[in-house]
Every structure is written in C-alpha cells, then in structure tokens.
C-alpha cells in the first residue's frame, strides 16, 4: 500500500465529478472565490477527513477540527469546505409533480389453490 503525501494531494486541483460534473464555478452553489478555494484546498480537506494523511501543523489540525465539526470555521477555506459538505449531504427534494406510485388495478389473482372452501362437489352419482 502506497503512502500518500501532502504534496501529492495538493498538487492537483480538487474536483467532485459525481456532484459537480461541470465544476464548482459553474454550479451556481458557490461564489468564484469559494470555488477557487475548494479547488485549491478541497483535496487537503478530503485527505485529512478520510485519514489518508495526518495533520502536520496547527493549521492542518484546525482544518480537521473544523471539518469534523469540533469547532466553528474561522478561515474562508474552512467555510467553503463546510458549505460544500452541506450541499452534497443535503436531503434530496421531491418533485413538485409528486412521486405517487402508479395505481394498480384490482386483479383477482387466485394463485393459491389450497383454499377450497368455496367449492361444492357432489360425489354421489
């Protein structure tokens, strides 16, 4: 198993193709500044939260504590990360047209043949 270093995490811009396939800036959820902060610091936050890297200084420890909800966010990076987490973890909204299940016709399916209480058979012939 290879060890991930901080340089490997921060060298490439952070992107979330699942939730933001066109990028953070084009989503409408984030300001230009917030999208730049997410691209720059998102990989570091994700690696710290997932436990792939350990905090090396007080700043990274503060990032981790803020991301885990142990303290209020103080820097713009922390605020952008928590906003991103709130956006991707928000509950799914229902359609305004409803999500009603289609009506099922009342079909008499008598597949259970063990109940013969309604049969009247005369065997005296």
Protein backbone atom coordinates (compact mmCIF):
# COMPACT_ATOMS: atom_id res chain seq x y z
CA UNK A 1 0.00 0.00 0.00
CA UNK A 2 1.44 3.34 -1.02
CA UNK A 3 1.61 6.28 1.36
CA UNK A 4 0.04 9.50 0.16
CA UNK A 5 1.97 12.67 0.85
CA UNK A 6 0.61 16.17 1.30
CA UNK A 7 2.36 17.28 -1.90
CA UNK A 8 0.55 14.62 -3.94
CA UNK A 9 -2.80 15.71 -2.54
CA UNK A 10 -2.30 19.44 -3.04
CA UNK A 11 -0.57 19.27 -6.44
CA UNK A 12 -3.76 18.68 -8.42
CA UNK A 13 -6.97 20.71 -8.19
CA UNK A 14 -9.84 19.15 -6.25
CA UNK A 15 -12.88 18.17 -8.31
CA UNK A 16 -16.06 16.28 -7.48
CA UNK A 17 -17.26 14.78 -10.76
CA UNK A 18 -20.18 13.00 -9.09
CA UNK A 19 -21.90 16.01 -7.51
CA UNK A 20 -20.42 18.81 -9.65
CA UNK A 21 -19.65 17.36 -13.09
CA UNK A 22 -19.18 20.81 -14.65
CA UNK A 23 -17.09 22.19 -11.80
CA UNK A 24 -17.77 24.25 -8.71
CA UNK A 25 -17.75 27.61 -10.51
CA UNK A 26 -20.46 26.60 -12.99
CA UNK A 27 -22.77 25.03 -10.40
CA UNK A 28 -24.31 28.20 -9.04
CA UNK A 29 -23.84 26.91 -5.49
CA UNK A 30 -20.53 28.67 -4.85
CA UNK A 31 -19.05 32.08 -5.47
CA UNK A 32 -15.96 32.40 -7.67
CA UNK A 33 -13.76 32.78 -4.60
CA UNK A 34 -15.31 29.75 -2.89
CA UNK A 35 -14.87 27.60 -5.99
CA UNK A 36 -11.19 28.60 -6.19
CA UNK A 37 -10.72 27.76 -2.50
CA UNK A 38 -12.38 24.36 -2.99
CA UNK A 39 -10.18 23.57 -5.96
CA UNK A 40 -7.07 24.57 -4.01
CA UNK A 41 -7.82 23.18 -0.54
CA UNK A 42 -10.53 20.56 -1.17
CA UNK A 43 -8.06 17.74 -1.75
CA UNK A 44 -6.28 18.55 1.51
CA UNK A 45 -9.55 18.65 3.46
CA UNK A 46 -10.76 15.39 1.91
CA UNK A 47 -7.46 13.63 2.68
CA UNK A 48 -7.46 14.89 6.27
CA UNK A 49 -11.07 13.87 6.90
CA UNK A 50 -10.63 10.46 5.26
CA UNK A 51 -7.48 9.82 7.32
CA UNK A 52 -5.24 9.44 4.27
CA UNK A 53 -2.82 11.98 5.70
CA UNK A 54 -2.25 13.21 9.23
CA UNK A 55 -2.12 16.90 10.19
CA UNK A 56 1.48 18.13 10.13
CA UNK A 57 0.96 21.55 11.74
CA UNK A 58 -1.52 23.59 13.77
CA UNK A 59 -3.21 24.97 10.66
CA UNK A 60 -4.00 21.49 9.30
CA UNK A 61 -5.16 20.38 12.76
CA UNK A 62 -7.52 23.37 12.81
CA UNK A 63 -8.80 22.42 9.33
CA UNK A 64 -9.50 18.89 10.52
CA UNK A 65 -11.27 20.00 13.70
CA UNK A 66 -13.44 22.42 11.73
CA UNK A 67 -14.25 19.84 9.05
CA UNK A 68 -15.29 17.31 11.70
CA UNK A 69 -17.49 19.88 13.43
CA UNK A 70 -15.45 20.15 16.62
CA UNK A 71 -15.16 23.93 16.25
CA UNK A 72 -16.62 26.76 14.20
CA UNK A 73 -14.94 27.55 10.85
CA UNK A 74 -12.60 30.51 11.08
CA UNK A 75 -10.94 30.78 7.67
CA UNK A 76 -12.56 31.16 4.24
CA UNK A 77 -11.18 27.72 3.30
CA UNK A 78 -12.98 26.08 6.21
CA UNK A 79 -16.22 27.92 5.45
CA UNK A 80 -16.09 26.88 1.79
CA UNK A 81 -15.46 23.24 2.76
CA UNK A 82 -18.37 23.16 5.21
CA UNK A 83 -20.63 24.79 2.60
CA UNK A 84 -19.56 22.11 0.11
CA UNK A 85 -20.29 19.36 2.65
CA UNK A 86 -23.70 20.86 3.39
CA UNK A 87 -24.50 20.94 -0.35
CA UNK A 88 -23.53 17.35 -1.13
CA UNK A 89 -25.16 15.94 2.01
CA UNK A 90 -28.46 17.79 1.74
CA UNK A 91 -31.59 15.67 1.53
CA UNK A 92 -32.97 15.01 -1.90
CA UNK A 93 -36.02 17.08 -2.71
CA UNK A 94 -39.18 15.61 -4.16
CA UNK A 95 -40.67 16.63 -7.45
CA UNK A 96 -43.38 19.25 -7.44
CA UNK A 97 -45.37 16.87 -9.60
CA UNK A 98 -45.35 14.24 -6.90
CA UNK A 99 -43.87 10.83 -6.60
CA UNK A 100 -47.12 8.94 -6.33
CA UNK A 101 -46.90 5.29 -7.19
CA UNK A 102 -48.96 4.28 -10.20
CA UNK A 103 -52.39 2.91 -9.41
CA UNK A 104 -52.60 -0.88 -9.50
CA UNK A 105 -55.71 -2.46 -10.97
CA UNK A 106 -57.64 -4.68 -8.58
CA UNK A 107 -56.99 -8.03 -10.22
CA UNK A 108 -58.27 -11.20 -8.55
CA UNK A 109 -55.21 -13.41 -8.61
CA UNK A 110 -56.26 -16.72 -7.13
CA UNK A 111 -52.95 -18.45 -7.41
CA UNK A 112 -53.37 -20.08 -4.02
CA UNK A 113 -55.31 -23.26 -4.80
CA UNK A 114 -55.09 -24.71 -1.29
CA UNK A 115 -58.21 -22.85 -0.16
CA UNK A 116 -61.13 -24.95 -1.46
CA UNK A 117 -63.79 -23.63 0.88
CA UNK A 118 -65.87 -22.21 -1.97
CA UNK A 119 -66.01 -25.48 -3.95
CA UNK A 120 -69.17 -27.58 -3.78
CA UNK A 121 -68.62 -31.03 -5.28
CA UNK A 122 -71.25 -33.76 -5.24
CA UNK A 123 -69.68 -37.26 -5.43
CA UNK A 124 -72.91 -39.33 -5.00
CA UNK A 125 -73.54 -40.09 -8.70
